[in-house]
Amino acid sequence: MVHHCDYKIRIEARTSIFEYIEVFYNRQRSHSVNGYEAPLVYESMQKVA
């Protein structure tokens, strides 16, 4: 996680922030396109239907 981390070089910070956004945040937050469902929930609903 990015919060309260000390990075020695910029690439460490960039990598950590990228991973947080792309791996955690974008998969957890709701999206209006998906009917305000999290992407993983929406995908699982599509597989069932």
PDB file of N, CA and C in Angstrom:
ATOM      1  N   MET A   1       0.853  -1.175   0.000  1.00  0.00           N
ATOM      2  CA  MET A   1       0.000   0.000   0.000  1.00  0.00           C
ATOM      3  C   MET A   1       0.892   1.230   0.000  1.00  0.00           C
ATOM      4  N   VAL A   2       0.385   2.302  -0.480  1.00  0.00           N
ATOM      5  CA  VAL A   2       1.154   3.514  -0.696  1.00  0.00           C
ATOM      6  C   VAL A   2       1.258   4.367   0.562  1.00  0.00           C
ATOM      7  N   HIS A   3       0.227   4.400   1.351  1.00  0.00           N
ATOM      8  CA  HIS A   3       0.162   5.290   2.505  1.00  0.00           C
ATOM      9  C   HIS A   3       1.250   4.958   3.533  1.00  0.00           C
ATOM     10  N   HIS A   4       1.917   5.963   4.021  1.00  0.00           N
ATOM     11  CA  HIS A   4       2.960   5.849   5.052  1.00  0.00           C
ATOM     12  C   HIS A   4       4.182   5.043   4.598  1.00  0.00           C
ATOM     13  N   CYS A   5       4.511   5.147   3.337  1.00  0.00           N
ATOM     14  CA  CYS A   5       5.694   4.461   2.823  1.00  0.00           C
ATOM     15  C   CYS A   5       6.776   5.472   2.494  1.00  0.00           C
ATOM     16  N   ASP A   6       7.992   5.113   2.799  1.00  0.00           N
ATOM     17  CA  ASP A   6       9.144   5.923   2.413  1.00  0.00           C
ATOM     18  C   ASP A   6       9.854   5.205   1.276  1.00  0.00           C
ATOM     19  N   TYR A   7       9.978   5.884   0.169  1.00  0.00           N
ATOM     20  CA  TYR A   7      10.616   5.303  -0.998  1.00  0.00           C
ATOM     21  C   TYR A   7      11.990   5.918  -1.190  1.00  0.00           C
ATOM     22  N   LYS A   8      12.950   5.099  -1.527  1.00  0.00           N
ATOM     23  CA  LYS A   8      14.315   5.579  -1.728  1.00  0.00           C
ATOM     24  C   LYS A   8      14.498   6.182  -3.119  1.00  0.00           C
ATOM     25  N   ILE A   9      13.800   5.622  -4.089  1.00  0.00           N
ATOM     26  CA  ILE A   9      13.910   6.142  -5.454  1.00  0.00           C
ATOM     27  C   ILE A   9      12.515   6.299  -6.061  1.00  0.00           C
ATOM     28  N   ARG A  10      12.427   7.154  -7.055  1.00  0.00           N
ATOM     29  CA  ARG A  10      11.143   7.488  -7.667  1.00  0.00           C
ATOM     30  C   ARG A  10      10.454   6.274  -8.279  1.00  0.00           C
ATOM     31  N   ILE A  11      11.196   5.386  -8.897  1.00  0.00           N
ATOM     32  CA  ILE A  11      10.585   4.232  -9.558  1.00  0.00           C
ATOM     33  C   ILE A  11       9.870   3.328  -8.556  1.00  0.00           C
ATOM     34  N   GLU A  12      10.367   3.230  -7.336  1.00  0.00           N
ATOM     35  CA  GLU A  12       9.677   2.454  -6.297  1.00  0.00           C
ATOM     36  C   GLU A  12       8.317   3.067  -6.004  1.00  0.00           C
ATOM     37  N   ALA A  13       8.277   4.378  -5.871  1.00  0.00           N
ATOM     38  CA  ALA A  13       7.018   5.071  -5.597  1.00  0.00           C
ATOM     39  C   ALA A  13       6.051   4.903  -6.762  1.00  0.00           C
ATOM     40  N   ARG A  14       6.536   5.103  -7.970  1.00  0.00           N
ATOM     41  CA  ARG A  14       5.677   4.986  -9.153  1.00  0.00           C
ATOM     42  C   ARG A  14       5.106   3.580  -9.278  1.00  0.00           C
ATOM     43  N   THR A  15       5.930   2.577  -9.048  1.00  0.00           N
ATOM     44  CA  THR A  15       5.484   1.194  -9.142  1.00  0.00           C
ATOM     45  C   THR A  15       4.440   0.884  -8.084  1.00  0.00           C
ATOM     46  N   SER A  16       4.678   1.318  -6.872  1.00  0.00           N
ATOM     47  CA  SER A  16       3.745   1.076  -5.783  1.00  0.00           C
ATOM     48  C   SER A  16       2.402   1.761  -6.035  1.00  0.00           C
ATOM     49  N   ILE A  17       2.442   2.996  -6.490  1.00  0.00           N
ATOM     50  CA  ILE A  17       1.209   3.734  -6.769  1.00  0.00           C
ATOM     51  C   ILE A  17       0.452   3.092  -7.929  1.00  0.00           C
ATOM     52  N   PHE A  18       1.162   2.707  -8.974  1.00  0.00           N
ATOM     53  CA  PHE A  18       0.531   2.046 -10.112  1.00  0.00           C
ATOM     54  C   PHE A  18      -0.157   0.758  -9.671  1.00  0.00           C
ATOM     55  N   GLU A  19       0.538  -0.058  -8.890  1.00  0.00           N
ATOM     56  CA  GLU A  19      -0.043  -1.315  -8.426  1.00  0.00           C
ATOM     57  C   GLU A  19      -1.275  -1.071  -7.568  1.00  0.00           C
ATOM     58  N   TYR A  20      -1.227  -0.070  -6.706  1.00  0.00           N
ATOM     59  CA  TYR A  20      -2.387   0.245  -5.873  1.00  0.00           C
ATOM     60  C   TYR A  20      -3.584   0.616  -6.741  1.00  0.00           C
ATOM     61  N   ILE A  21      -3.367   1.492  -7.704  1.00  0.00           N
ATOM     62  CA  ILE A  21      -4.476   1.957  -8.538  1.00  0.00           C
ATOM     63  C   ILE A  21      -5.004   0.839  -9.431  1.00  0.00           C
ATOM     64  N   GLU A  22      -4.130   0.170 -10.140  1.00  0.00           N
ATOM     65  CA  GLU A  22      -4.559  -0.815 -11.129  1.00  0.00           C
ATOM     66  C   GLU A  22      -4.967  -2.155 -10.527  1.00  0.00           C
ATOM     67  N   VAL A  23      -4.298  -2.587  -9.480  1.00  0.00           N
ATOM     68  CA  VAL A  23      -4.569  -3.903  -8.919  1.00  0.00           C
ATOM     69  C   VAL A  23      -5.646  -3.850  -7.843  1.00  0.00           C
ATOM     70  N   PHE A  24      -5.626  -2.849  -6.991  1.00  0.00           N
ATOM     71  CA  PHE A  24      -6.589  -2.798  -5.892  1.00  0.00           C
ATOM     72  C   PHE A  24      -7.743  -1.846  -6.172  1.00  0.00           C
ATOM     73  N   TYR A  25      -7.449  -0.576  -6.331  1.00  0.00           N
ATOM     74  CA  TYR A  25      -8.485   0.457  -6.373  1.00  0.00           C
ATOM     75  C   TYR A  25      -9.465   0.269  -7.521  1.00  0.00           C
ATOM     76  N   ASN A  26      -8.985   0.096  -8.729  1.00  0.00           N
ATOM     77  CA  ASN A  26      -9.885  -0.018  -9.873  1.00  0.00           C
ATOM     78  C   ASN A  26     -10.723  -1.288  -9.843  1.00  0.00           C
ATOM     79  N   ARG A  27     -10.300  -2.283  -9.107  1.00  0.00           N
ATOM     80  CA  ARG A  27     -11.087  -3.516  -9.006  1.00  0.00           C
ATOM     81  C   ARG A  27     -12.092  -3.462  -7.861  1.00  0.00           C
ATOM     82  N   GLN A  28     -11.902  -2.538  -6.916  1.00  0.00           N
ATOM     83  CA  GLN A  28     -12.785  -2.450  -5.761  1.00  0.00           C
ATOM     84  C   GLN A  28     -13.860  -1.380  -5.902  1.00  0.00           C
ATOM     85  N   ARG A  29     -13.505  -0.262  -6.514  1.00  0.00           N
ATOM     86  CA  ARG A  29     -14.459   0.845  -6.561  1.00  0.00           C
ATOM     87  C   ARG A  29     -15.555   0.578  -7.574  1.00  0.00           C
ATOM     88  N   SER A  30     -16.717   1.169  -7.330  1.00  0.00           N
ATOM     89  CA  SER A  30     -17.837   0.979  -8.241  1.00  0.00           C
ATOM     90  C   SER A  30     -17.680   1.873  -9.463  1.00  0.00           C
ATOM     91  N   HIS A  31     -18.251   1.431 -10.564  1.00  0.00           N
ATOM     92  CA  HIS A  31     -18.191   2.168 -11.820  1.00  0.00           C
ATOM     93  C   HIS A  31     -19.615   2.390 -12.320  1.00  0.00           C
ATOM     94  N   SER A  32     -19.908   3.596 -12.790  1.00  0.00           N
ATOM     95  CA  SER A  32     -21.251   3.895 -13.279  1.00  0.00           C
ATOM     96  C   SER A  32     -21.604   3.044 -14.497  1.00  0.00           C
ATOM     97  N   VAL A  33     -20.635   2.719 -15.317  1.00  0.00           N
ATOM     98  CA  VAL A  33     -20.880   1.898 -16.507  1.00  0.00           C
ATOM     99  C   VAL A  33     -21.390   0.514 -16.111  1.00  0.00           C
ATOM    100  N   ASN A  34     -20.964   0.024 -14.964  1.00  0.00           N
ATOM    101  CA  ASN A  34     -21.337  -1.315 -14.493  1.00  0.00           C
ATOM    102  C   ASN A  34     -22.556  -1.296 -13.589  1.00  0.00           C
ATOM    103  N   GLY A  35     -23.331  -0.230 -13.614  1.00  0.00           N
ATOM    104  CA  GLY A  35     -24.468  -0.133 -12.703  1.00  0.00           C
ATOM    105  C   GLY A  35     -24.013   0.056 -11.273  1.00  0.00           C
ATOM    106  N   TYR A  36     -22.891   0.720 -11.101  1.00  0.00           N
ATOM    107  CA  TYR A  36     -22.283   1.019  -9.796  1.00  0.00           C
ATOM    108  C   TYR A  36     -21.891  -0.230  -9.019  1.00  0.00           C
ATOM    109  N   GLU A  37     -21.500  -1.247  -9.746  1.00  0.00           N
ATOM    110  CA  GLU A  37     -20.940  -2.454  -9.138  1.00  0.00           C
ATOM    111  C   GLU A  37     -19.425  -2.422  -9.295  1.00  0.00           C
ATOM    112  N   ALA A  38     -18.734  -3.074  -8.389  1.00  0.00           N
ATOM    113  CA  ALA A  38     -17.286  -3.230  -8.529  1.00  0.00           C
ATOM    114  C   ALA A  38     -17.021  -4.112  -9.747  1.00  0.00           C
ATOM    115  N   PRO A  39     -15.930  -3.881 -10.453  1.00  0.00           N
ATOM    116  CA  PRO A  39     -15.658  -4.656 -11.668  1.00  0.00           C
ATOM    117  C   PRO A  39     -15.674  -6.170 -11.472  1.00  0.00           C
ATOM    118  N   LEU A  40     -15.118  -6.658 -10.378  1.00  0.00           N
ATOM    119  CA  LEU A  40     -15.101  -8.109 -10.162  1.00  0.00           C
ATOM    120  C   LEU A  40     -16.498  -8.659  -9.937  1.00  0.00           C
ATOM    121  N   VAL A  41     -17.344  -7.907  -9.235  1.00  0.00           N
ATOM    122  CA  VAL A  41     -18.735  -8.319  -9.012  1.00  0.00           C
ATOM    123  C   VAL A  41     -19.477  -8.328 -10.345  1.00  0.00           C
ATOM    124  N   TYR A  42     -19.293  -7.277 -11.118  1.00  0.00           N
ATOM    125  CA  TYR A  42     -19.946  -7.169 -12.426  1.00  0.00           C
ATOM    126  C   TYR A  42     -19.532  -8.319 -13.344  1.00  0.00           C
ATOM    127  N   GLU A  43     -18.250  -8.627 -13.384  1.00  0.00           N
ATOM    128  CA  GLU A  43     -17.772  -9.725 -14.226  1.00  0.00           C
ATOM    129  C   GLU A  43     -18.369 -11.056 -13.797  1.00  0.00           C
ATOM    130  N   SER A  44     -18.452 -11.284 -12.493  1.00  0.00           N
ATOM    131  CA  SER A  44     -19.015 -12.551 -12.027  1.00  0.00           C
ATOM    132  C   SER A  44     -20.502 -12.637 -12.345  1.00  0.00           C
ATOM    133  N   MET A  45     -21.209 -11.504 -12.308  1.00  0.00           N
ATOM    134  CA  MET A  45     -22.630 -11.495 -12.663  1.00  0.00           C
ATOM    135  C   MET A  45     -22.804 -11.787 -14.157  1.00  0.00           C
ATOM    136  N   GLN A  46     -21.890 -11.303 -14.989  1.00  0.00           N
ATOM    137  CA  GLN A  46     -21.968 -11.532 -16.430  1.00  0.00           C
ATOM    138  C   GLN A  46     -21.708 -12.997 -16.774  1.00  0.00           C
ATOM    139  N   LYS A  47     -20.833 -13.650 -16.026  1.00  0.00           N
ATOM    140  CA  LYS A  47     -20.527 -15.057 -16.284  1.00  0.00           C
ATOM    141  C   LYS A  47     -21.710 -15.945 -15.942  1.00  0.00           C
ATOM    142  N   VAL A  48     -22.469 -15.574 -14.906  1.00  0.00           N
ATOM    143  CA  VAL A  48     -23.621 -16.355 -14.473  1.00  0.00           C
ATOM    144  C   VAL A  48     -24.768 -16.193 -15.460  1.00  0.00           C
ATOM    145  N   ALA A  49     -24.934 -14.990 -15.991  1.00  0.00           N
ATOM    146  CA  ALA A  49     -26.074 -14.698 -16.889  1.00  0.00           C
ATOM    147  C   ALA A  49     -25.933 -15.336 -18.242  1.00  0.00           C
TER     148      ALA A  49
END
